[in-house]
Protein backbone atom coordinates (compact mmCIF):
# COMPACT_ATOMS: atom_id res chain seq x y z
CA MET A 1 -26.95 3.13 45.31
CA GLY A 2 -26.38 5.89 42.72
CA ASN A 3 -22.86 4.67 41.96
CA ASN A 4 -24.06 1.10 41.39
CA GLU A 5 -26.68 2.34 38.92
CA ASN A 6 -23.98 4.15 36.91
CA VAL A 7 -21.75 1.06 36.87
CA GLU A 8 -24.68 -1.16 35.86
CA GLN A 9 -25.70 1.27 33.12
CA GLN A 10 -22.13 1.47 31.77
CA ASN A 11 -21.81 -2.32 31.82
CA ALA A 12 -25.10 -2.65 29.96
CA THR A 13 -24.18 -0.15 27.26
CA GLY A 14 -20.46 -0.84 26.99
CA SER A 15 -17.49 1.39 27.64
CA ASN A 16 -17.61 5.10 26.93
CA GLU A 17 -14.07 4.91 25.52
CA GLY A 18 -15.28 3.48 22.20
CA SER A 19 -17.86 6.19 21.71
CA LYS A 20 -15.33 8.94 22.48
CA ALA A 21 -12.87 7.45 20.00
CA ASP A 22 -15.67 7.22 17.42
CA GLU A 23 -16.57 10.89 18.03
CA VAL A 24 -12.98 11.91 17.30
CA THR A 25 -12.89 9.65 14.24
CA TYR A 26 -16.22 11.10 13.04
CA LYS A 27 -14.83 14.63 13.19
CA LEU A 28 -11.65 13.64 11.35
CA VAL A 29 -13.60 11.80 8.64
CA GLN A 30 -16.04 14.70 8.31
CA GLU A 31 -13.16 17.12 7.75
CA MET A 32 -11.52 14.81 5.22
CA PHE A 33 -14.80 14.46 3.31
CA LYS A 34 -15.08 18.24 3.21
CA THR A 35 -11.51 18.98 2.13
CA ASP A 36 -10.43 15.96 0.06
CA ILE A 37 -13.00 13.28 -0.75
CA ASN A 38 -16.04 15.27 -1.87
CA PRO A 39 -14.09 17.79 -3.94
CA ALA A 40 -12.59 14.85 -5.86
CA LEU A 41 -15.98 13.19 -6.35
CA ALA A 42 -17.59 16.46 -7.42
CA GLY A 43 -15.76 16.16 -10.75
CA HIS A 44 -18.06 13.23 -11.50
CA GLY A 45 -21.15 14.93 -10.07
CA GLY A 46 -21.08 12.90 -6.87
CA SER A 47 -20.49 13.16 -3.16
CA VAL A 48 -20.40 11.02 -0.05
CA GLU A 49 -22.41 11.82 3.07
CA LEU A 50 -21.04 10.74 6.44
CA ILE A 51 -23.80 9.05 8.43
CA ASP A 52 -22.04 7.57 11.46
CA VAL A 53 -18.93 5.97 12.91
CA GLN A 54 -19.27 2.99 15.22
CA ASP A 55 -16.37 0.85 16.40
CA GLY A 56 -14.21 2.35 13.67
CA ILE A 57 -16.65 1.46 10.88
CA VAL A 58 -17.60 4.52 8.82
CA THR A 59 -21.18 4.47 7.51
CA VAL A 60 -21.77 6.53 4.36
CA ARG A 61 -24.39 7.29 1.75
CA MET A 62 -23.27 8.01 -1.81
CA MET A 63 -25.16 10.74 -3.61
CA GLY A 64 -25.44 12.46 -6.98
CA GLY A 65 -23.48 10.78 -9.74
CA CYS A 66 -22.17 8.17 -7.30
CA GLN A 67 -25.66 6.83 -6.49
CA GLY A 68 -26.30 3.99 -8.90
CA CYS A 69 -22.93 4.24 -10.65
CA GLY A 70 -21.44 0.89 -11.66
CA MET A 71 -18.08 1.94 -10.22
CA ALA A 72 -19.48 3.02 -6.83
CA ARG A 73 -18.12 -0.03 -4.99
CA VAL A 74 -14.64 0.45 -6.45
CA THR A 75 -14.71 4.16 -5.65
CA LEU A 76 -15.80 3.42 -2.11
CA GLN A 77 -13.29 0.65 -1.38
CA GLN A 78 -10.23 1.64 -3.37
CA GLY A 79 -10.73 5.38 -3.17
CA VAL A 80 -12.64 6.54 -0.11
CA GLN A 81 -11.86 3.69 2.31
CA ALA A 82 -8.19 3.49 1.29
CA ALA A 83 -7.72 7.25 1.72
CA LEU A 84 -9.48 7.26 5.09
CA GLN A 85 -7.48 4.32 6.44
CA LYS A 86 -4.21 5.87 5.29
CA ALA A 87 -4.97 9.21 6.95
CA ILE A 88 -6.95 8.00 9.99
CA PRO A 89 -5.67 4.72 11.48
CA ALA A 90 -8.80 4.35 13.66
CA VAL A 91 -10.90 3.67 10.54
CA LYS A 92 -11.39 -0.10 10.31
CA GLY A 93 -13.74 -0.20 7.36
CA ILE A 94 -16.59 1.42 5.52
CA ARG A 95 -20.27 0.55 5.14
CA ASP A 96 -22.41 1.86 2.31
CA ILE A 97 -26.13 2.32 3.00
CA THR A 98 -26.89 3.87 -0.39
CA ASP A 99 -29.94 2.69 -2.31
CA HIS A 100 -28.10 2.43 -5.61
CA ALA A 101 -31.20 1.20 -7.43
CA ALA A 102 -32.81 4.58 -6.78
CA GLY A 103 -30.06 6.55 -8.52
CA THR A 104 -31.44 8.68 -11.30
CA ALA A 105 -28.31 10.24 -12.75
CA PRO A 106 -25.28 7.98 -12.24
CA TYR A 107 -22.01 9.12 -13.71
CA SER A 108 -21.02 7.34 -16.88
CA ALA A 109 -18.15 8.16 -19.18
């Protein structure tokens, strides 16, 4: 009976393979944010916080000068997402959960 419960639970929640792959992707993205992405954004007073990775979709929150900046979408798609996908093939896309309307000091030049 114990084995059937485990199989039923795994079928209900999906395969563990996806979550393990997402854990590896999370760690790789986290390291890339630390070493490449955030140091580049710091020049504009901004940063990106890694929230989660699910099914290869990276969820982020933009902070500092990036929050509320008119170029945030371009930075996210053409900068952050492009760099992540080039370096980490498991990254399928990026999702921004930032409340850009709440930004108090967006970068502007």
